Amino acid sequence: MALEFSQQFAARLRTLRQEHEWTQAELGKKVGVDGSVIRSYELKLHHPPLMTLQKLAQVFGVSVDFLLSGDSKPVDGFQDRELLDLFLKADLLHYTSKAALKQVIEGLIAVEQQRKAA
């Protein structure tokens, strides 16, 4: 069981890091560890402590459960953590700025839907 966990976690960590186009050093910096530590997780040499797992989950916008088992979905249904962070910040904008932002988003969605329909 531990070997299976280790292989799944290592593969999931590597996949998430590569999807974000981060080096091991870049990811390490984001979670407060050296890049060599990330490398050791990906090579199944070590398992991260709980605090590091929580930081990894936050950085990737997924749950700790997802990192460990792959069973749950990204936090709040967002796959793009940066987009989620922007929406959270946008919620603090003045209502007129929010209205303008909503129009921009609606326009982008309409263009994307037309593109997909074509």
PDB file of N, CA and C in Angstrom:
ATOM      1  N   MET A   1       0.825  -1.197   0.000  1.00  0.00           N
ATOM      2  CA  MET A   1       0.000   0.000   0.000  1.00  0.00           C
ATOM      3  C   MET A   1       0.867   1.257   0.000  1.00  0.00           C
ATOM      4  N   ALA A   2       1.889   1.312   0.837  1.00  0.00           N
ATOM      5  CA  ALA A   2       2.743   2.492   0.898  1.00  0.00           C
ATOM      6  C   ALA A   2       3.458   2.716  -0.428  1.00  0.00           C
ATOM      7  N   LEU A   3       3.882   1.639  -1.069  1.00  0.00           N
ATOM      8  CA  LEU A   3       4.556   1.758  -2.359  1.00  0.00           C
ATOM      9  C   LEU A   3       3.598   2.309  -3.408  1.00  0.00           C
ATOM     10  N   GLU A   4       2.342   1.814  -3.400  1.00  0.00           N
ATOM     11  CA  GLU A   4       1.342   2.296  -4.347  1.00  0.00           C
ATOM     12  C   GLU A   4       1.077   3.781  -4.117  1.00  0.00           C
ATOM     13  N   PHE A   5       0.912   4.176  -2.839  1.00  0.00           N
ATOM     14  CA  PHE A   5       0.711   5.587  -2.514  1.00  0.00           C
ATOM     15  C   PHE A   5       1.872   6.412  -3.038  1.00  0.00           C
ATOM     16  N   SER A   6       3.066   5.952  -2.765  1.00  0.00           N
ATOM     17  CA  SER A   6       4.261   6.688  -3.144  1.00  0.00           C
ATOM     18  C   SER A   6       4.336   6.901  -4.656  1.00  0.00           C
ATOM     19  N   GLN A   7       4.038   5.857  -5.424  1.00  0.00           N
ATOM     20  CA  GLN A   7       4.096   5.964  -6.879  1.00  0.00           C
ATOM     21  C   GLN A   7       3.014   6.893  -7.395  1.00  0.00           C
ATOM     22  N   GLN A   8       1.798   6.770  -6.863  1.00  0.00           N
ATOM     23  CA  GLN A   8       0.697   7.623  -7.316  1.00  0.00           C
ATOM     24  C   GLN A   8       0.947   9.081  -6.956  1.00  0.00           C
ATOM     25  N   PHE A   9       1.375   9.310  -5.716  1.00  0.00           N
ATOM     26  CA  PHE A   9       1.639  10.683  -5.291  1.00  0.00           C
ATOM     27  C   PHE A   9       2.758  11.294  -6.129  1.00  0.00           C
ATOM     28  N   ALA A  10       3.829  10.570  -6.318  1.00  0.00           N
ATOM     29  CA  ALA A  10       4.974  11.083  -7.077  1.00  0.00           C
ATOM     30  C   ALA A  10       4.562  11.430  -8.503  1.00  0.00           C
ATOM     31  N   ALA A  11       3.801  10.564  -9.129  1.00  0.00           N
ATOM     32  CA  ALA A  11       3.348  10.812 -10.504  1.00  0.00           C
ATOM     33  C   ALA A  11       2.394  11.996 -10.561  1.00  0.00           C
ATOM     34  N   ARG A  12       1.490  12.086  -9.601  1.00  0.00           N
ATOM     35  CA  ARG A  12       0.530  13.194  -9.565  1.00  0.00           C
ATOM     36  C   ARG A  12       1.267  14.517  -9.342  1.00  0.00           C
ATOM     37  N   LEU A  13       2.227  14.530  -8.445  1.00  0.00           N
ATOM     38  CA  LEU A  13       3.004  15.734  -8.166  1.00  0.00           C
ATOM     39  C   LEU A  13       3.755  16.181  -9.422  1.00  0.00           C
ATOM     40  N   ARG A  14       4.410  15.259 -10.075  1.00  0.00           N
ATOM     41  CA  ARG A  14       5.168  15.581 -11.293  1.00  0.00           C
ATOM     42  C   ARG A  14       4.225  16.114 -12.380  1.00  0.00           C
ATOM     43  N   THR A  15       3.088  15.465 -12.557  1.00  0.00           N
ATOM     44  CA  THR A  15       2.129  15.884 -13.578  1.00  0.00           C
ATOM     45  C   THR A  15       1.613  17.294 -13.303  1.00  0.00           C
ATOM     46  N   LEU A  16       1.227  17.552 -12.078  1.00  0.00           N
ATOM     47  CA  LEU A  16       0.730  18.889 -11.722  1.00  0.00           C
ATOM     48  C   LEU A  16       1.810  19.947 -11.936  1.00  0.00           C
ATOM     49  N   ARG A  17       3.023  19.630 -11.520  1.00  0.00           N
ATOM     50  CA  ARG A  17       4.121  20.595 -11.685  1.00  0.00           C
ATOM     51  C   ARG A  17       4.358  20.874 -13.160  1.00  0.00           C
ATOM     52  N   GLN A  18       4.366  19.846 -13.971  1.00  0.00           N
ATOM     53  CA  GLN A  18       4.607  20.020 -15.406  1.00  0.00           C
ATOM     54  C   GLN A  18       3.452  20.750 -16.082  1.00  0.00           C
ATOM     55  N   GLU A  19       2.221  20.500 -15.646  1.00  0.00           N
ATOM     56  CA  GLU A  19       1.070  21.218 -16.192  1.00  0.00           C
ATOM     57  C   GLU A  19       1.182  22.717 -15.942  1.00  0.00           C
ATOM     58  N   HIS A  20       1.790  23.078 -14.823  1.00  0.00           N
ATOM     59  CA  HIS A  20       1.988  24.493 -14.487  1.00  0.00           C
ATOM     60  C   HIS A  20       3.285  25.047 -15.087  1.00  0.00           C
ATOM     61  N   GLU A  21       4.025  24.163 -15.742  1.00  0.00           N
ATOM     62  CA  GLU A  21       5.295  24.532 -16.371  1.00  0.00           C
ATOM     63  C   GLU A  21       6.281  25.132 -15.374  1.00  0.00           C
ATOM     64  N   TRP A  22       6.353  24.495 -14.200  1.00  0.00           N
ATOM     65  CA  TRP A  22       7.278  24.919 -13.162  1.00  0.00           C
ATOM     66  C   TRP A  22       8.420  23.915 -13.064  1.00  0.00           C
ATOM     67  N   THR A  23       9.593  24.423 -12.777  1.00  0.00           N
ATOM     68  CA  THR A  23      10.708  23.537 -12.467  1.00  0.00           C
ATOM     69  C   THR A  23      10.535  23.054 -11.031  1.00  0.00           C
ATOM     70  N   GLN A  24      11.325  22.069 -10.651  1.00  0.00           N
ATOM     71  CA  GLN A  24      11.288  21.603  -9.267  1.00  0.00           C
ATOM     72  C   GLN A  24      11.697  22.728  -8.325  1.00  0.00           C
ATOM     73  N   ALA A  25      12.664  23.526  -8.747  1.00  0.00           N
ATOM     74  CA  ALA A  25      13.116  24.650  -7.914  1.00  0.00           C
ATOM     75  C   ALA A  25      12.015  25.694  -7.762  1.00  0.00           C
ATOM     76  N   GLU A  26      11.288  25.984  -8.847  1.00  0.00           N
ATOM     77  CA  GLU A  26      10.205  26.977  -8.779  1.00  0.00           C
ATOM     78  C   GLU A  26       9.095  26.507  -7.845  1.00  0.00           C
ATOM     79  N   LEU A  27       8.715  25.242  -7.966  1.00  0.00           N
ATOM     80  CA  LEU A  27       7.688  24.708  -7.071  1.00  0.00           C
ATOM     81  C   LEU A  27       8.182  24.709  -5.636  1.00  0.00           C
ATOM     82  N   GLY A  28       9.425  24.312  -5.442  1.00  0.00           N
ATOM     83  CA  GLY A  28       9.984  24.316  -4.096  1.00  0.00           C
ATOM     84  C   GLY A  28       9.912  25.690  -3.455  1.00  0.00           C
ATOM     85  N   LYS A  29      10.245  26.700  -4.224  1.00  0.00           N
ATOM     86  CA  LYS A  29      10.203  28.072  -3.696  1.00  0.00           C
ATOM     87  C   LYS A  29       8.784  28.467  -3.299  1.00  0.00           C
ATOM     88  N   LYS A  30       7.799  28.036  -4.086  1.00  0.00           N
ATOM     89  CA  LYS A  30       6.403  28.373  -3.805  1.00  0.00           C
ATOM     90  C   LYS A  30       5.897  27.733  -2.511  1.00  0.00           C
ATOM     91  N   VAL A  31       6.448  26.575  -2.162  1.00  0.00           N
ATOM     92  CA  VAL A  31       5.989  25.890  -0.948  1.00  0.00           C
ATOM     93  C   VAL A  31       7.002  25.965   0.199  1.00  0.00           C
ATOM     94  N   GLY A  32       8.111  26.649  -0.023  1.00  0.00           N
ATOM     95  CA  GLY A  32       9.068  26.877   1.053  1.00  0.00           C
ATOM     96  C   GLY A  32      10.058  25.754   1.294  1.00  0.00           C
ATOM     97  N   VAL A  33      10.369  24.987   0.232  1.00  0.00           N
ATOM     98  CA  VAL A  33      11.394  23.949   0.351  1.00  0.00           C
ATOM     99  C   VAL A  33      12.351  24.074  -0.824  1.00  0.00           C
ATOM    100  N   ASP A  34      13.474  23.425  -0.722  1.00  0.00           N
ATOM    101  CA  ASP A  34      14.449  23.432  -1.805  1.00  0.00           C
ATOM    102  C   ASP A  34      13.937  22.559  -2.962  1.00  0.00           C
ATOM    103  N   GLY A  35      14.354  22.879  -4.161  1.00  0.00           N
ATOM    104  CA  GLY A  35      13.980  22.080  -5.323  1.00  0.00           C
ATOM    105  C   GLY A  35      14.392  20.631  -5.208  1.00  0.00           C
ATOM    106  N   SER A  36      15.484  20.376  -4.501  1.00  0.00           N
ATOM    107  CA  SER A  36      15.929  18.987  -4.319  1.00  0.00           C
ATOM    108  C   SER A  36      14.940  18.185  -3.486  1.00  0.00           C
ATOM    109  N   VAL A  37      14.197  18.862  -2.624  1.00  0.00           N
ATOM    110  CA  VAL A  37      13.182  18.186  -1.823  1.00  0.00           C
ATOM    111  C   VAL A  37      12.029  17.752  -2.731  1.00  0.00           C
ATOM    112  N   ILE A  38      11.617  18.635  -3.631  1.00  0.00           N
ATOM    113  CA  ILE A  38      10.571  18.280  -4.601  1.00  0.00           C
ATOM    114  C   ILE A  38      11.046  17.096  -5.439  1.00  0.00           C
ATOM    115  N   ARG A  39      12.288  17.137  -5.856  1.00  0.00           N
ATOM    116  CA  ARG A  39      12.859  16.044  -6.636  1.00  0.00           C
ATOM    117  C   ARG A  39      12.776  14.729  -5.858  1.00  0.00           C
ATOM    118  N   SER A  40      13.075  14.788  -4.569  1.00  0.00           N
ATOM    119  CA  SER A  40      13.034  13.563  -3.760  1.00  0.00           C
ATOM    120  C   SER A  40      11.603  13.028  -3.634  1.00  0.00           C
ATOM    121  N   TYR A  41      10.602  13.906  -3.621  1.00  0.00           N
ATOM    122  CA  TYR A  41       9.211  13.451  -3.604  1.00  0.00           C
ATOM    123  C   TYR A  41       8.865  12.782  -4.928  1.00  0.00           C
ATOM    124  N   GLU A  42       9.280  13.412  -6.027  1.00  0.00           N
ATOM    125  CA  GLU A  42       8.960  12.875  -7.354  1.00  0.00           C
ATOM    126  C   GLU A  42       9.683  11.552  -7.627  1.00  0.00           C
ATOM    127  N   LEU A  43      10.833  11.370  -7.018  1.00  0.00           N
ATOM    128  CA  LEU A  43      11.579  10.123  -7.186  1.00  0.00           C
ATOM    129  C   LEU A  43      11.195   9.068  -6.146  1.00  0.00           C
ATOM    130  N   LYS A  44      10.203   9.398  -5.314  1.00  0.00           N
ATOM    131  CA  LYS A  44       9.699   8.475  -4.290  1.00  0.00           C
ATOM    132  C   LYS A  44      10.736   8.169  -3.203  1.00  0.00           C
ATOM    133  N   LEU A  45      11.664   9.079  -2.993  1.00  0.00           N
ATOM    134  CA  LEU A  45      12.685   8.874  -1.958  1.00  0.00           C
ATOM    135  C   LEU A  45      12.172   9.287  -0.582  1.00  0.00           C
ATOM    136  N   HIS A  46      11.289  10.296  -0.556  1.00  0.00           N
ATOM    137  CA  HIS A  46      10.734  10.799   0.697  1.00  0.00           C
ATOM    138  C   HIS A  46       9.267  11.141   0.494  1.00  0.00           C
ATOM    139  N   HIS A  47       8.534  11.196   1.603  1.00  0.00           N
ATOM    140  CA  HIS A  47       7.148  11.645   1.594  1.00  0.00           C
ATOM    141  C   HIS A  47       7.096  13.016   2.271  1.00  0.00           C
ATOM    142  N   PRO A  48       6.289  13.921   1.747  1.00  0.00           N
ATOM    143  CA  PRO A  48       6.211  15.250   2.365  1.00  0.00           C
ATOM    144  C   PRO A  48       5.462  15.215   3.692  1.00  0.00           C
ATOM    145  N   PRO A  49       5.865  16.068   4.624  1.00  0.00           N
ATOM    146  CA  PRO A  49       5.099  16.191   5.862  1.00  0.00           C
ATOM    147  C   PRO A  49       3.755  16.872   5.561  1.00  0.00           C
ATOM    148  N   LEU A  50       2.838  16.782   6.493  1.00  0.00           N
ATOM    149  CA  LEU A  50       1.487  17.308   6.301  1.00  0.00           C
ATOM    150  C   LEU A  50       1.492  18.788   5.911  1.00  0.00           C
ATOM    151  N   MET A  51       2.314  19.590   6.563  1.00  0.00           N
ATOM    152  CA  MET A  51       2.331  21.030   6.244  1.00  0.00           C
ATOM    153  C   MET A  51       2.735  21.260   4.789  1.00  0.00           C
ATOM    154  N   THR A  52       3.683  20.496   4.299  1.00  0.00           N
ATOM    155  CA  THR A  52       4.114  20.636   2.910  1.00  0.00           C
ATOM    156  C   THR A  52       3.018  20.148   1.971  1.00  0.00           C
ATOM    157  N   LEU A  53       2.331  19.072   2.330  1.00  0.00           N
ATOM    158  CA  LEU A  53       1.204  18.598   1.524  1.00  0.00           C
ATOM    159  C   LEU A  53       0.136  19.684   1.410  1.00  0.00           C
ATOM    160  N   GLN A  54      -0.145  20.353   2.518  1.00  0.00           N
ATOM    161  CA  GLN A  54      -1.145  21.414   2.501  1.00  0.00           C
ATOM    162  C   GLN A  54      -0.701  22.567   1.602  1.00  0.00           C
ATOM    163  N   LYS A  55       0.564  22.924   1.667  1.00  0.00           N
ATOM    164  CA  LYS A  55       1.080  23.995   0.809  1.00  0.00           C
ATOM    165  C   LYS A  55       1.039  23.590  -0.661  1.00  0.00           C
ATOM    166  N   LEU A  56       1.394  22.344  -0.952  1.00  0.00           N
ATOM    167  CA  LEU A  56       1.336  21.860  -2.333  1.00  0.00           C
ATOM    168  C   LEU A  56      -0.099  21.915  -2.858  1.00  0.00           C
ATOM    169  N   ALA A  57      -1.038  21.469  -2.044  1.00  0.00           N
ATOM    170  CA  ALA A  57      -2.445  21.494  -2.451  1.00  0.00           C
ATOM    171  C   ALA A  57      -2.896  22.924  -2.734  1.00  0.00           C
ATOM    172  N   GLN A  58      -2.502  23.853  -1.884  1.00  0.00           N
ATOM    173  CA  GLN A  58      -2.893  25.251  -2.065  1.00  0.00           C
ATOM    174  C   GLN A  58      -2.292  25.827  -3.346  1.00  0.00           C
ATOM    175  N   VAL A  59      -1.032  25.563  -3.575  1.00  0.00           N
ATOM    176  CA  VAL A  59      -0.349  26.087  -4.761  1.00  0.00           C
ATOM    177  C   VAL A  59      -0.984  25.553  -6.049  1.00  0.00           C
ATOM    178  N   PHE A  60      -1.362  24.288  -6.044  1.00  0.00           N
ATOM    179  CA  PHE A  60      -1.948  23.675  -7.234  1.00  0.00           C
ATOM    180  C   PHE A  60      -3.456  23.892  -7.336  1.00  0.00           C
ATOM    181  N   GLY A  61      -4.076  24.386  -6.256  1.00  0.00           N
ATOM    182  CA  GLY A  61      -5.516  24.583  -6.279  1.00  0.00           C
ATOM    183  C   GLY A  61      -6.291  23.282  -6.230  1.00  0.00           C
ATOM    184  N   VAL A  62      -5.753  22.307  -5.520  1.00  0.00           N
ATOM    185  CA  VAL A  62      -6.411  21.018  -5.357  1.00  0.00           C
ATOM    186  C   VAL A  62      -6.494  20.708  -3.868  1.00  0.00           C
ATOM    187  N   SER A  63      -7.193  19.657  -3.523  1.00  0.00           N
ATOM    188  CA  SER A  63      -7.258  19.244  -2.125  1.00  0.00           C
ATOM    189  C   SER A  63      -6.096  18.308  -1.807  1.00  0.00           C
ATOM    190  N   VAL A  64      -5.820  18.166  -0.535  1.00  0.00           N
ATOM    191  CA  VAL A  64      -4.806  17.193  -0.100  1.00  0.00           C
ATOM    192  C   VAL A  64      -5.270  15.796  -0.516  1.00  0.00           C
ATOM    193  N   ASP A  65      -6.575  15.541  -0.418  1.00  0.00           N
ATOM    194  CA  ASP A  65      -7.113  14.245  -0.851  1.00  0.00           C
ATOM    195  C   ASP A  65      -6.747  13.962  -2.302  1.00  0.00           C
ATOM    196  N   PHE A  66      -6.859  14.975  -3.148  1.00  0.00           N
ATOM    197  CA  PHE A  66      -6.522  14.775  -4.554  1.00  0.00           C
ATOM    198  C   PHE A  66      -5.037  14.428  -4.701  1.00  0.00           C
ATOM    199  N   LEU A  67      -4.183  15.136  -3.981  1.00  0.00           N
ATOM    200  CA  LEU A  67      -2.750  14.832  -4.063  1.00  0.00           C
ATOM    201  C   LEU A  67      -2.459  13.395  -3.639  1.00  0.00           C
ATOM    202  N   LEU A  68      -3.137  12.954  -2.604  1.00  0.00           N
ATOM    203  CA  LEU A  68      -2.848  11.630  -2.061  1.00  0.00           C
ATOM    204  C   LEU A  68      -3.524  10.499  -2.827  1.00  0.00           C
ATOM    205  N   SER A  69      -4.764  10.731  -3.262  1.00  0.00           N
ATOM    206  CA  SER A  69      -5.510   9.624  -3.860  1.00  0.00           C
ATOM    207  C   SER A  69      -5.990   9.884  -5.279  1.00  0.00           C
ATOM    208  N   GLY A  70      -6.038  11.156  -5.677  1.00  0.00           N
ATOM    209  CA  GLY A  70      -6.536  11.485  -7.006  1.00  0.00           C
ATOM    210  C   GLY A  70      -8.046  11.437  -7.096  1.00  0.00           C
ATOM    211  N   ASP A  71      -8.734  11.266  -5.965  1.00  0.00           N
ATOM    212  CA  ASP A  71     -10.178  11.066  -5.992  1.00  0.00           C
ATOM    213  C   ASP A  71     -11.023  12.329  -6.014  1.00  0.00           C
ATOM    214  N   SER A  72     -10.540  13.426  -5.475  1.00  0.00           N
ATOM    215  CA  SER A  72     -11.386  14.596  -5.394  1.00  0.00           C
ATOM    216  C   SER A  72     -11.060  15.583  -6.499  1.00  0.00           C
ATOM    217  N   LYS A  73     -11.909  16.568  -6.625  1.00  0.00           N
ATOM    218  CA  LYS A  73     -11.767  17.550  -7.692  1.00  0.00           C
ATOM    219  C   LYS A  73     -11.001  18.772  -7.184  1.00  0.00           C
ATOM    220  N   PRO A  74     -10.547  19.618  -8.093  1.00  0.00           N
ATOM    221  CA  PRO A  74      -9.872  20.838  -7.682  1.00  0.00           C
ATOM    222  C   PRO A  74     -10.739  21.699  -6.771  1.00  0.00           C
ATOM    223  N   VAL A  75     -10.107  22.494  -5.937  1.00  0.00           N
ATOM    224  CA  VAL A  75     -10.792  23.363  -5.002  1.00  0.00           C
ATOM    225  C   VAL A  75     -11.780  24.254  -5.748  1.00  0.00           C
ATOM    226  N   ASP A  76     -13.013  24.324  -5.244  1.00  0.00           N
ATOM    227  CA  ASP A  76     -14.051  25.184  -5.801  1.00  0.00           C
ATOM    228  C   ASP A  76     -14.321  24.911  -7.275  1.00  0.00           C
ATOM    229  N   GLY A  77     -13.932  23.770  -7.794  1.00  0.00           N
ATOM    230  CA  GLY A  77     -14.168  23.463  -9.194  1.00  0.00           C
ATOM    231  C   GLY A  77     -13.227  24.171 -10.149  1.00  0.00           C
ATOM    232  N   PHE A  78     -12.311  24.962  -9.635  1.00  0.00           N
ATOM    233  CA  PHE A  78     -11.359  25.685 -10.472  1.00  0.00           C
ATOM    234  C   PHE A  78     -10.134  24.823 -10.715  1.00  0.00           C
ATOM    235  N   GLN A  79      -9.751  24.711 -11.962  1.00  0.00           N
ATOM    236  CA  GLN A  79      -8.520  24.013 -12.289  1.00  0.00           C
ATOM    237  C   GLN A  79      -7.352  24.992 -12.291  1.00  0.00           C
ATOM    238  N   ASP A  80      -7.649  26.253 -12.517  1.00  0.00           N
ATOM    239  CA  ASP A  80      -6.623  27.287 -12.633  1.00  0.00           C
ATOM    240  C   ASP A  80      -6.617  28.124 -11.361  1.00  0.00           C
ATOM    241  N   ARG A  81      -5.661  27.857 -10.493  1.00  0.00           N
ATOM    242  CA  ARG A  81      -5.591  28.550  -9.204  1.00  0.00           C
ATOM    243  C   ARG A  81      -5.387  30.054  -9.369  1.00  0.00           C
ATOM    244  N   GLU A  82      -4.618  30.455 -10.360  1.00  0.00           N
ATOM    245  CA  GLU A  82      -4.390  31.886 -10.580  1.00  0.00           C
ATOM    246  C   GLU A  82      -5.693  32.585 -10.941  1.00  0.00           C
ATOM    247  N   LEU A  83      -6.522  31.934 -11.745  1.00  0.00           N
ATOM    248  CA  LEU A  83      -7.816  32.508 -12.113  1.00  0.00           C
ATOM    249  C   LEU A  83      -8.702  32.640 -10.879  1.00  0.00           C
ATOM    250  N   LEU A  84      -8.706  31.620 -10.047  1.00  0.00           N
ATOM    251  CA  LEU A  84      -9.474  31.683  -8.808  1.00  0.00           C
ATOM    252  C   LEU A  84      -9.007  32.848  -7.943  1.00  0.00           C
ATOM    253  N   ASP A  85      -7.705  33.015  -7.801  1.00  0.00           N
ATOM    254  CA  ASP A  85      -7.165  34.121  -7.003  1.00  0.00           C
ATOM    255  C   ASP A  85      -7.591  35.473  -7.568  1.00  0.00           C
ATOM    256  N   LEU A  86      -7.581  35.591  -8.899  1.00  0.00           N
ATOM    257  CA  LEU A  86      -8.014  36.846  -9.526  1.00  0.00           C
ATOM    258  C   LEU A  86      -9.491  37.122  -9.253  1.00  0.00           C
ATOM    259  N   PHE A  87     -10.328  36.087  -9.325  1.00  0.00           N
ATOM    260  CA  PHE A  87     -11.751  36.275  -9.043  1.00  0.00           C
ATOM    261  C   PHE A  87     -11.975  36.681  -7.594  1.00  0.00           C
ATOM    262  N   LEU A  88     -11.206  36.103  -6.695  1.00  0.00           N
ATOM    263  CA  LEU A  88     -11.345  36.470  -5.292  1.00  0.00           C
ATOM    264  C   LEU A  88     -10.948  37.931  -5.067  1.00  0.00           C
ATOM    265  N   LYS A  89      -9.903  38.376  -5.741  1.00  0.00           N
ATOM    266  CA  LYS A  89      -9.492  39.774  -5.637  1.00  0.00           C
ATOM    267  C   LYS A  89     -10.506  40.688  -6.311  1.00  0.00           C
ATOM    268  N   ALA A  90     -11.058  40.248  -7.435  1.00  0.00           N
ATOM    269  CA  ALA A  90     -12.034  41.063  -8.166  1.00  0.00           C
ATOM    270  C   ALA A  90     -13.296  41.279  -7.345  1.00  0.00           C
ATOM    271  N   ASP A  91     -13.593  40.358  -6.457  1.00  0.00           N
ATOM    272  CA  ASP A  91     -14.787  40.501  -5.622  1.00  0.00           C
ATOM    273  C   ASP A  91     -14.695  41.715  -4.701  1.00  0.00           C
ATOM    274  N   LEU A  92     -13.495  42.232  -4.509  1.00  0.00           N
ATOM    275  CA  LEU A  92     -13.293  43.400  -3.644  1.00  0.00           C
ATOM    276  C   LEU A  92     -13.368  44.721  -4.407  1.00  0.00           C
ATOM    277  N   LEU A  93     -13.528  44.646  -5.726  1.00  0.00           N
ATOM    278  CA  LEU A  93     -13.581  45.852  -6.547  1.00  0.00           C
ATOM    279  C   LEU A  93     -14.871  46.633  -6.309  1.00  0.00           C
ATOM    280  N   HIS A  94     -14.830  47.907  -6.698  1.00  0.00           N
ATOM    281  CA  HIS A  94     -16.016  48.760  -6.673  1.00  0.00           C
ATOM    282  C   HIS A  94     -17.051  48.156  -7.617  1.00  0.00           C
ATOM    283  N   TYR A  95     -18.337  48.369  -7.336  1.00  0.00           N
ATOM    284  CA  TYR A  95     -19.370  47.722  -8.136  1.00  0.00           C
ATOM    285  C   TYR A  95     -19.325  48.103  -9.608  1.00  0.00           C
ATOM    286  N   THR A  96     -18.861  49.300  -9.928  1.00  0.00           N
ATOM    287  CA  THR A  96     -18.785  49.688 -11.342  1.00  0.00           C
ATOM    288  C   THR A  96     -17.663  48.921 -12.046  1.00  0.00           C
ATOM    289  N   SER A  97     -16.574  48.691 -11.337  1.00  0.00           N
ATOM    290  CA  SER A  97     -15.489  47.896 -11.907  1.00  0.00           C
ATOM    291  C   SER A  97     -15.916  46.448 -12.078  1.00  0.00           C
ATOM    292  N   LYS A  98     -16.693  45.938 -11.111  1.00  0.00           N
ATOM    293  CA  LYS A  98     -17.201  44.581 -11.224  1.00  0.00           C
ATOM    294  C   LYS A  98     -18.111  44.441 -12.448  1.00  0.00           C
ATOM    295  N   ALA A  99     -18.948  45.436 -12.674  1.00  0.00           N
ATOM    296  CA  ALA A  99     -19.866  45.388 -13.817  1.00  0.00           C
ATOM    297  C   ALA A  99     -19.081  45.358 -15.123  1.00  0.00           C
ATOM    298  N   ALA A 100     -18.037  46.168 -15.207  1.00  0.00           N
ATOM    299  CA  ALA A 100     -17.212  46.193 -16.420  1.00  0.00           C
ATOM    300  C   ALA A 100     -16.500  44.852 -16.606  1.00  0.00           C
ATOM    301  N   LEU A 101     -15.996  44.294 -15.534  1.00  0.00           N
ATOM    302  CA  LEU A 101     -15.307  43.010 -15.601  1.00  0.00           C
ATOM    303  C   LEU A 101     -16.266  41.911 -16.048  1.00  0.00           C
ATOM    304  N   LYS A 102     -17.471  41.929 -15.531  1.00  0.00           N
ATOM    305  CA  LYS A 102     -18.480  40.942 -15.930  1.00  0.00           C
ATOM    306  C   LYS A 102     -18.756  41.021 -17.428  1.00  0.00           C
ATOM    307  N   GLN A 103     -18.839  42.235 -17.960  1.00  0.00           N
ATOM    308  CA  GLN A 103     -19.081  42.393 -19.398  1.00  0.00           C
ATOM    309  C   GLN A 103     -17.924  41.819 -20.214  1.00  0.00           C
ATOM    310  N   VAL A 104     -16.709  42.059 -19.776  1.00  0.00           N
ATOM    311  CA  VAL A 104     -15.539  41.524 -20.476  1.00  0.00           C
ATOM    312  C   VAL A 104     -15.575  39.994 -20.462  1.00  0.00           C
ATOM    313  N   ILE A 105     -15.848  39.427 -19.299  1.00  0.00           N
ATOM    314  CA  ILE A 105     -15.885  37.963 -19.173  1.00  0.00           C
ATOM    315  C   ILE A 105     -17.003  37.381 -20.038  1.00  0.00           C
ATOM    316  N   GLU A 106     -18.177  37.987 -19.974  1.00  0.00           N
ATOM    317  CA  GLU A 106     -19.293  37.499 -20.791  1.00  0.00           C
ATOM    318  C   GLU A 106     -18.940  37.561 -22.278  1.00  0.00           C
ATOM    319  N   GLY A 107     -18.265  38.623 -22.695  1.00  0.00           N
ATOM    320  CA  GLY A 107     -17.845  38.749 -24.088  1.00  0.00           C
ATOM    321  C   GLY A 107     -16.859  37.668 -24.490  1.00  0.00           C
ATOM    322  N   LEU A 108     -15.885  37.404 -23.630  1.00  0.00           N
ATOM    323  CA  LEU A 108     -14.904  36.353 -23.909  1.00  0.00           C
ATOM    324  C   LEU A 108     -15.562  34.978 -23.997  1.00  0.00           C
ATOM    325  N   ILE A 109     -16.513  34.722 -23.112  1.00  0.00           N
ATOM    326  CA  ILE A 109     -17.220  33.438 -23.127  1.00  0.00           C
ATOM    327  C   ILE A 109     -18.033  33.301 -24.413  1.00  0.00           C
ATOM    328  N   ALA A 110     -18.710  34.374 -24.828  1.00  0.00           N
ATOM    329  CA  ALA A 110     -19.491  34.335 -26.070  1.00  0.00           C
ATOM    330  C   ALA A 110     -18.596  34.052 -27.266  1.00  0.00           C
ATOM    331  N   VAL A 111     -17.427  34.715 -27.334  1.00  0.00           N
ATOM    332  CA  VAL A 111     -16.496  34.480 -28.432  1.00  0.00           C
ATOM    333  C   VAL A 111     -16.015  33.031 -28.437  1.00  0.00           C
ATOM    334  N   GLU A 112     -15.712  32.491 -27.265  1.00  0.00           N
ATOM    335  CA  GLU A 112     -15.243  31.102 -27.169  1.00  0.00           C
ATOM    336  C   GLU A 112     -16.338  30.129 -27.604  1.00  0.00           C
ATOM    337  N   GLN A 113     -17.580  30.403 -27.193  1.00  0.00           N
ATOM    338  CA  GLN A 113     -18.697  29.528 -27.591  1.00  0.00           C
ATOM    339  C   GLN A 113     -18.911  29.552 -29.096  1.00  0.00           C
ATOM    340  N   GLN A 114     -18.772  30.727 -29.701  1.00  0.00           N
ATOM    341  CA  GLN A 114     -18.916  30.844 -31.161  1.00  0.00           C
ATOM    342  C   GLN A 114     -17.797  30.087 -31.854  1.00  0.00           C
ATOM    343  N   ARG A 115     -16.599  30.200 -31.324  1.00  0.00           N
ATOM    344  CA  ARG A 115     -15.451  29.510 -31.915  1.00  0.00           C
ATOM    345  C   ARG A 115     -15.647  28.007 -31.874  1.00  0.00           C
ATOM    346  N   LYS A 116     -16.154  27.515 -30.753  1.00  0.00           N
ATOM    347  CA  LYS A 116     -16.368  26.082 -30.617  1.00  0.00           C
ATOM    348  C   LYS A 116     -17.508  25.583 -31.510  1.00  0.00           C
ATOM    349  N   ALA A 117     -18.495  26.439 -31.730  1.00  0.00           N
ATOM    350  CA  ALA A 117     -19.640  26.064 -32.563  1.00  0.00           C
ATOM    351  C   ALA A 117     -19.283  26.050 -34.052  1.00  0.00           C
ATOM    352  N   ALA A 118     -18.254  26.785 -34.411  1.00  0.00           N
ATOM    353  CA  ALA A 118     -17.886  26.879 -35.827  1.00  0.00           C
ATOM    354  C   ALA A 118     -17.164  25.663 -36.334  1.00  0.00           C
TER     355      ALA A 118
END
